[in-house]
Amino acid sequence: MAVFNQEFEPKLSIDYLKAIDNYTILQKPVQSFEEGMLSVRNGENRALIVIGANFTKALTQRGLEGNFVEDMYITMGRVNLYLDMTSKASKMTIN
């Protein structure tokens, strides 16, 4: 899986990525979204995970404000996953 971590000073994003079992899912860092998507299109990776630039800030704010947090923090705290749905193995794993 290609991993594009946009955080300038990664904190919680590193913890998140460490929680993914690297035995089952081998993480391959990429330098840009485009590089990651190209690796999926070329079949080098089956997926791309993208962590936004303000991931730690957003999760911290969500922890402080709970259900009353602004929508922008919910959006900034998302982890986006782009899958190669042309792969039969990927389809079977997800279903």
Protein backbone atom coordinates (compact mmCIF):
# COMPACT_ATOMS: atom_id res chain seq x y z
CA MET A 1 0.00 0.00 0.00
CA ALA A 2 1.33 3.41 -0.96
CA VAL A 3 1.24 5.93 1.87
CA PHE A 4 1.22 9.69 1.36
CA ASN A 5 1.47 11.44 4.71
CA GLN A 6 1.09 15.19 4.18
CA GLU A 7 1.77 16.21 7.79
CA PHE A 8 4.77 18.52 8.06
CA GLU A 9 5.50 17.40 11.61
CA PRO A 10 3.78 14.02 11.81
CA LYS A 11 2.62 12.99 15.26
CA LEU A 12 -0.70 11.17 15.42
CA SER A 13 -0.44 10.13 11.78
CA ILE A 14 2.70 8.14 12.64
CA ASP A 15 0.85 6.44 15.51
CA TYR A 16 -2.02 5.65 13.15
CA LEU A 17 0.29 4.12 10.55
CA LYS A 18 2.14 2.10 13.20
CA ALA A 19 -1.19 0.59 14.24
CA ILE A 20 -1.58 -0.97 10.79
CA ASP A 21 -0.10 -4.46 10.80
CA ASN A 22 2.91 -4.12 8.49
CA TYR A 23 3.07 -7.91 8.13
CA THR A 24 -0.31 -7.98 6.38
CA ILE A 25 -0.10 -4.60 4.68
CA LEU A 26 3.33 -3.47 3.57
CA GLN A 27 3.48 0.34 3.65
CA LYS A 28 5.46 2.10 0.93
CA PRO A 29 5.87 5.87 1.47
CA VAL A 30 5.42 8.10 -1.58
CA GLN A 31 6.25 11.78 -2.02
CA SER A 32 2.98 12.94 -3.60
CA PHE A 33 -0.62 12.00 -4.25
CA GLU A 34 0.16 11.72 -7.96
CA GLU A 35 3.05 9.32 -7.34
CA GLY A 36 0.84 7.17 -5.12
CA MET A 37 -2.04 7.08 -7.60
CA LEU A 38 0.33 6.23 -10.43
CA SER A 39 1.72 3.32 -8.41
CA VAL A 40 -1.83 2.01 -7.94
CA ARG A 41 -2.69 2.47 -11.63
CA ASN A 42 0.53 0.67 -12.63
CA GLY A 43 -0.21 -2.24 -10.32
CA GLU A 44 2.76 -1.59 -8.01
CA ASN A 45 0.37 -1.05 -5.08
CA ARG A 46 -3.20 -2.14 -4.48
CA ALA A 47 -4.14 1.00 -2.60
CA LEU A 48 -3.12 4.50 -1.62
CA ILE A 49 -3.70 5.91 1.84
CA VAL A 50 -3.58 9.70 2.20
CA ILE A 51 -3.28 11.51 5.52
CA GLY A 52 -3.92 15.25 5.44
CA ALA A 53 -1.57 18.04 6.48
CA ASN A 54 -3.55 18.91 9.64
CA PHE A 55 -4.36 15.38 10.83
CA THR A 56 -2.86 15.75 14.33
CA LYS A 57 -4.39 19.20 14.86
CA ALA A 58 -7.80 17.93 13.76
CA LEU A 59 -7.78 14.88 16.01
CA THR A 60 -6.58 16.94 18.95
CA GLN A 61 -9.39 19.45 18.41
CA ARG A 62 -11.93 16.65 18.07
CA GLY A 63 -10.71 15.22 21.35
CA LEU A 64 -11.12 18.58 23.08
CA GLU A 65 -14.52 19.50 21.64
CA GLY A 66 -16.09 16.07 21.15
CA ASN A 67 -19.39 16.16 19.30
CA PHE A 68 -19.33 19.97 19.18
CA VAL A 69 -16.28 20.23 16.93
CA GLU A 70 -16.57 22.19 13.68
CA ASP A 71 -17.04 20.23 10.45
CA MET A 72 -13.68 21.40 9.11
CA TYR A 73 -11.89 19.43 11.85
CA ILE A 74 -13.83 16.30 10.95
CA THR A 75 -12.77 16.74 7.32
CA MET A 76 -9.12 17.45 8.22
CA GLY A 77 -9.00 14.35 10.43
CA ARG A 78 -10.03 11.94 7.70
CA VAL A 79 -7.82 9.25 6.28
CA ASN A 80 -8.56 8.78 2.58
CA LEU A 81 -8.15 5.39 0.97
CA TYR A 82 -7.98 4.90 -2.80
CA LEU A 83 -8.27 1.27 -3.90
CA ASP A 84 -7.44 -0.57 -7.10
CA MET A 85 -10.88 -2.04 -7.70
CA THR A 86 -9.73 -3.71 -10.93
CA SER A 87 -7.86 -6.29 -8.85
CA LYS A 88 -9.90 -9.40 -8.09
CA ALA A 89 -7.90 -9.87 -4.86
CA SER A 90 -8.79 -6.35 -3.71
CA LYS A 91 -12.48 -6.88 -4.43
CA MET A 92 -12.54 -10.15 -2.49
CA THR A 93 -10.69 -8.63 0.48
CA ILE A 94 -13.05 -5.66 0.73
CA ASN A 95 -16.30 -7.63 0.32
